Amino acid sequence: MTDESRGAGRTVGPPWSVDVVADLHAGVLDERAAAELWPLVNADPDARAILEALESTTADLTALTAGSVEPMPAHFRGEARCRVGQ
């Protein structure tokens, strides 16, 4: 994710970059940085909105794994195999 419109990728304060909030949400920041950022990000309504959107997206993607998937129709399977050279 790359967002140049908010915060210019900096981590020092609002407006928070979507990239920084996404990294924090994903748990990829080191423990010290995350411990410093969570209270600051949680206190910012715009950052909270980004976190809520990320949570919603995570929930939507998780829900996709819960359903059953119908097999691909045979005529599409054959076409797909031809296109990938099998």
N, C-alpha and C. Protein backbone atom coordinates (compact mmCIF):
# COMPACT_ATOMS: atom_id res chain seq x y z
N MET A 1 0.85 -1.16 0.00
CA MET A 1 0.00 0.00 0.00
C MET A 1 0.90 1.23 0.00
N THR A 2 0.61 2.18 -0.85
CA THR A 2 1.40 3.39 -0.88
C THR A 2 0.47 4.59 -0.92
N ASP A 3 0.64 5.48 0.03
CA ASP A 3 -0.20 6.66 0.11
C ASP A 3 0.69 7.87 0.29
N GLU A 4 0.73 8.72 -0.72
CA GLU A 4 1.55 9.92 -0.64
C GLU A 4 0.72 11.14 -0.27
N SER A 5 -0.59 10.96 -0.08
CA SER A 5 -1.44 12.12 0.14
C SER A 5 -1.59 12.49 1.60
N ARG A 6 -1.24 11.62 2.53
CA ARG A 6 -1.42 11.89 3.95
C ARG A 6 -0.12 11.63 4.68
N GLY A 7 0.40 12.61 5.34
CA GLY A 7 1.52 12.42 6.22
C GLY A 7 2.85 12.14 5.56
N ALA A 8 2.89 12.02 4.27
CA ALA A 8 4.13 11.81 3.51
C ALA A 8 5.00 10.70 4.07
N GLY A 9 4.38 9.64 4.60
CA GLY A 9 5.12 8.49 5.08
C GLY A 9 5.82 8.69 6.41
N ARG A 10 5.66 9.83 7.02
CA ARG A 10 6.34 10.08 8.29
C ARG A 10 5.58 9.40 9.41
N THR A 11 6.25 9.18 10.52
CA THR A 11 5.60 8.52 11.64
C THR A 11 5.51 9.42 12.86
N VAL A 12 5.76 10.71 12.72
CA VAL A 12 5.84 11.59 13.88
C VAL A 12 4.51 12.15 14.32
N GLY A 13 3.49 12.10 13.51
CA GLY A 13 2.21 12.63 13.97
C GLY A 13 1.21 12.84 12.86
N PRO A 14 0.01 13.24 13.26
CA PRO A 14 -1.05 13.44 12.27
C PRO A 14 -0.69 14.52 11.26
N PRO A 15 -1.17 14.41 10.05
CA PRO A 15 -1.99 13.29 9.59
C PRO A 15 -1.12 12.05 9.38
N TRP A 16 -1.62 10.91 9.83
CA TRP A 16 -0.87 9.66 9.71
C TRP A 16 -0.97 9.15 8.28
N SER A 17 0.12 8.69 7.77
CA SER A 17 0.13 8.07 6.45
C SER A 17 -0.65 6.77 6.52
N VAL A 18 -1.40 6.48 5.47
CA VAL A 18 -2.13 5.21 5.40
C VAL A 18 -1.13 4.06 5.49
N ASP A 19 0.05 4.23 4.91
CA ASP A 19 1.07 3.18 4.98
C ASP A 19 1.48 2.90 6.42
N VAL A 20 1.68 3.94 7.20
CA VAL A 20 2.09 3.76 8.60
C VAL A 20 0.99 3.07 9.39
N VAL A 21 -0.25 3.51 9.20
CA VAL A 21 -1.37 2.89 9.92
C VAL A 21 -1.53 1.43 9.49
N ALA A 22 -1.39 1.16 8.20
CA ALA A 22 -1.50 -0.22 7.72
C ALA A 22 -0.38 -1.09 8.27
N ASP A 23 0.82 -0.56 8.32
CA ASP A 23 1.94 -1.33 8.89
C ASP A 23 1.70 -1.61 10.37
N LEU A 24 1.20 -0.62 11.09
CA LEU A 24 0.89 -0.79 12.50
C LEU A 24 -0.19 -1.87 12.67
N HIS A 25 -1.23 -1.78 11.87
CA HIS A 25 -2.34 -2.74 11.91
C HIS A 25 -1.86 -4.15 11.58
N ALA A 26 -0.93 -4.25 10.63
CA ALA A 26 -0.43 -5.56 10.20
C ALA A 26 0.57 -6.16 11.18
N GLY A 27 1.06 -5.35 12.10
CA GLY A 27 2.02 -5.86 13.08
C GLY A 27 3.43 -5.98 12.57
N VAL A 28 3.78 -5.18 11.56
CA VAL A 28 5.13 -5.29 10.99
C VAL A 28 6.13 -4.30 11.58
N LEU A 29 5.65 -3.38 12.41
CA LEU A 29 6.57 -2.44 13.05
C LEU A 29 7.21 -3.11 14.26
N ASP A 30 8.41 -2.64 14.61
CA ASP A 30 9.05 -3.23 15.79
C ASP A 30 8.24 -2.88 17.03
N GLU A 31 8.43 -3.67 18.08
CA GLU A 31 7.61 -3.53 19.29
C GLU A 31 7.66 -2.14 19.90
N ARG A 32 8.83 -1.53 19.93
CA ARG A 32 8.98 -0.20 20.51
C ARG A 32 8.18 0.83 19.73
N ALA A 33 8.33 0.80 18.41
CA ALA A 33 7.61 1.76 17.57
C ALA A 33 6.10 1.55 17.68
N ALA A 34 5.67 0.29 17.68
CA ALA A 34 4.24 0.00 17.80
C ALA A 34 3.69 0.48 19.14
N ALA A 35 4.43 0.27 20.21
CA ALA A 35 3.99 0.69 21.54
C ALA A 35 3.85 2.21 21.61
N GLU A 36 4.72 2.92 20.91
CA GLU A 36 4.63 4.38 20.89
C GLU A 36 3.48 4.87 20.01
N LEU A 37 3.27 4.18 18.88
CA LEU A 37 2.28 4.64 17.91
C LEU A 37 0.84 4.31 18.26
N TRP A 38 0.58 3.14 18.85
CA TRP A 38 -0.82 2.75 19.10
C TRP A 38 -1.61 3.82 19.85
N PRO A 39 -1.14 4.34 20.96
CA PRO A 39 -1.94 5.35 21.66
C PRO A 39 -2.16 6.62 20.82
N LEU A 40 -1.16 7.01 20.06
CA LEU A 40 -1.27 8.21 19.23
C LEU A 40 -2.26 8.00 18.09
N VAL A 41 -2.16 6.87 17.44
CA VAL A 41 -3.06 6.55 16.32
C VAL A 41 -4.49 6.37 16.83
N ASN A 42 -4.64 5.70 17.96
CA ASN A 42 -5.98 5.49 18.52
C ASN A 42 -6.65 6.80 18.93
N ALA A 43 -5.87 7.82 19.23
CA ALA A 43 -6.41 9.11 19.64
C ALA A 43 -6.80 10.00 18.46
N ASP A 44 -6.43 9.59 17.26
CA ASP A 44 -6.69 10.41 16.06
C ASP A 44 -7.89 9.86 15.30
N PRO A 45 -8.98 10.64 15.14
CA PRO A 45 -10.17 10.15 14.45
C PRO A 45 -9.91 9.71 13.01
N ASP A 46 -9.05 10.42 12.28
CA ASP A 46 -8.76 10.03 10.90
C ASP A 46 -8.02 8.70 10.86
N ALA A 47 -7.07 8.51 11.76
CA ALA A 47 -6.34 7.25 11.81
C ALA A 47 -7.26 6.12 12.24
N ARG A 48 -8.19 6.40 13.17
CA ARG A 48 -9.16 5.39 13.59
C ARG A 48 -10.02 4.97 12.40
N ALA A 49 -10.38 5.91 11.54
CA ALA A 49 -11.18 5.58 10.36
C ALA A 49 -10.40 4.64 9.43
N ILE A 50 -9.10 4.88 9.30
CA ILE A 50 -8.27 3.99 8.47
C ILE A 50 -8.22 2.61 9.10
N LEU A 51 -8.03 2.55 10.41
CA LEU A 51 -8.00 1.25 11.10
C LEU A 51 -9.32 0.50 10.94
N GLU A 52 -10.43 1.23 11.04
CA GLU A 52 -11.74 0.60 10.88
C GLU A 52 -11.92 0.06 9.46
N ALA A 53 -11.43 0.79 8.46
CA ALA A 53 -11.50 0.30 7.08
C ALA A 53 -10.63 -0.95 6.90
N LEU A 54 -9.46 -0.95 7.52
CA LEU A 54 -8.59 -2.13 7.45
C LEU A 54 -9.24 -3.32 8.13
N GLU A 55 -9.86 -3.11 9.29
CA GLU A 55 -10.55 -4.18 10.00
C GLU A 55 -11.71 -4.72 9.17
N SER A 56 -12.45 -3.82 8.53
CA SER A 56 -13.57 -4.24 7.68
C SER A 56 -13.08 -5.07 6.50
N THR A 57 -11.99 -4.64 5.89
CA THR A 57 -11.41 -5.39 4.78
C THR A 57 -10.94 -6.76 5.24
N THR A 58 -10.29 -6.82 6.39
CA THR A 58 -9.83 -8.09 6.94
C THR A 58 -11.02 -9.02 7.19
N ALA A 59 -12.09 -8.48 7.76
CA ALA A 59 -13.29 -9.29 8.02
C ALA A 59 -13.91 -9.80 6.72
N ASP A 60 -13.98 -8.93 5.70
CA ASP A 60 -14.53 -9.35 4.41
C ASP A 60 -13.71 -10.46 3.79
N LEU A 61 -12.39 -10.34 3.84
CA LEU A 61 -11.52 -11.37 3.26
C LEU A 61 -11.61 -12.67 4.05
N THR A 62 -11.71 -12.57 5.36
CA THR A 62 -11.86 -13.76 6.19
C THR A 62 -13.16 -14.47 5.88
N ALA A 63 -14.22 -13.72 5.66
CA ALA A 63 -15.52 -14.31 5.35
C ALA A 63 -15.49 -15.08 4.04
N LEU A 64 -14.64 -14.68 3.12
CA LEU A 64 -14.54 -15.39 1.85
C LEU A 64 -14.03 -16.82 2.02
N THR A 65 -13.24 -17.04 3.05
CA THR A 65 -12.69 -18.38 3.27
C THR A 65 -13.68 -19.31 3.93
N ALA A 66 -14.76 -18.76 4.49
CA ALA A 66 -15.74 -19.57 5.21
C ALA A 66 -16.71 -20.28 4.28
N GLY A 67 -16.92 -19.77 3.09
CA GLY A 67 -17.88 -20.35 2.17
C GLY A 67 -17.28 -21.43 1.32
N SER A 68 -18.16 -22.22 0.75
CA SER A 68 -17.69 -23.25 -0.16
C SER A 68 -17.54 -22.64 -1.56
N VAL A 69 -16.65 -23.18 -2.30
CA VAL A 69 -16.39 -22.70 -3.65
C VAL A 69 -16.78 -23.80 -4.62
N GLU A 70 -17.59 -23.42 -5.59
CA GLU A 70 -17.98 -24.40 -6.60
C GLU A 70 -16.80 -24.67 -7.52
N PRO A 71 -16.69 -25.93 -7.99
CA PRO A 71 -15.59 -26.22 -8.92
C PRO A 71 -15.77 -25.45 -10.23
N MET A 72 -14.64 -25.18 -10.86
CA MET A 72 -14.67 -24.49 -12.13
C MET A 72 -15.34 -25.41 -13.17
N PRO A 73 -16.26 -24.87 -13.98
CA PRO A 73 -16.87 -25.71 -15.03
C PRO A 73 -15.80 -26.29 -15.96
N ALA A 74 -16.05 -27.50 -16.42
CA ALA A 74 -15.08 -28.25 -17.23
C ALA A 74 -14.61 -27.47 -18.45
N HIS A 75 -15.51 -26.78 -19.13
CA HIS A 75 -15.10 -26.08 -20.35
C HIS A 75 -14.12 -24.94 -20.03
N PHE A 76 -14.22 -24.34 -18.86
CA PHE A 76 -13.26 -23.32 -18.46
C PHE A 76 -11.94 -23.95 -18.02
N ARG A 77 -12.01 -25.10 -17.36
CA ARG A 77 -10.78 -25.78 -16.94
C ARG A 77 -9.92 -26.11 -18.14
N GLY A 78 -10.54 -26.64 -19.19
CA GLY A 78 -9.80 -26.98 -20.40
C GLY A 78 -9.16 -25.76 -21.03
N GLU A 79 -9.92 -24.69 -21.11
CA GLU A 79 -9.38 -23.45 -21.69
C GLU A 79 -8.23 -22.92 -20.84
N ALA A 80 -8.37 -22.96 -19.54
CA ALA A 80 -7.32 -22.46 -18.65
C ALA A 80 -6.05 -23.30 -18.81
N ARG A 81 -6.19 -24.61 -18.93
CA ARG A 81 -5.02 -25.47 -19.12
C ARG A 81 -4.31 -25.14 -20.44
N CYS A 82 -5.08 -24.88 -21.47
CA CYS A 82 -4.47 -24.53 -22.77
C CYS A 82 -3.70 -23.23 -22.66
N ARG A 83 -4.24 -22.28 -21.94
CA ARG A 83 -3.59 -20.96 -21.84
C ARG A 83 -2.30 -21.00 -21.01
N VAL A 84 -2.22 -21.90 -20.06
CA VAL A 84 -1.00 -21.98 -19.26
C VAL A 84 -0.05 -23.07 -19.75
N GLY A 85 -0.42 -23.72 -20.85
CA GLY A 85 0.49 -24.66 -21.47
C GLY A 85 0.50 -26.05 -20.87
N GLN A 86 -0.59 -26.47 -20.29
CA GLN A 86 -0.63 -27.83 -19.72
C GLN A 86 -1.36 -28.77 -20.65
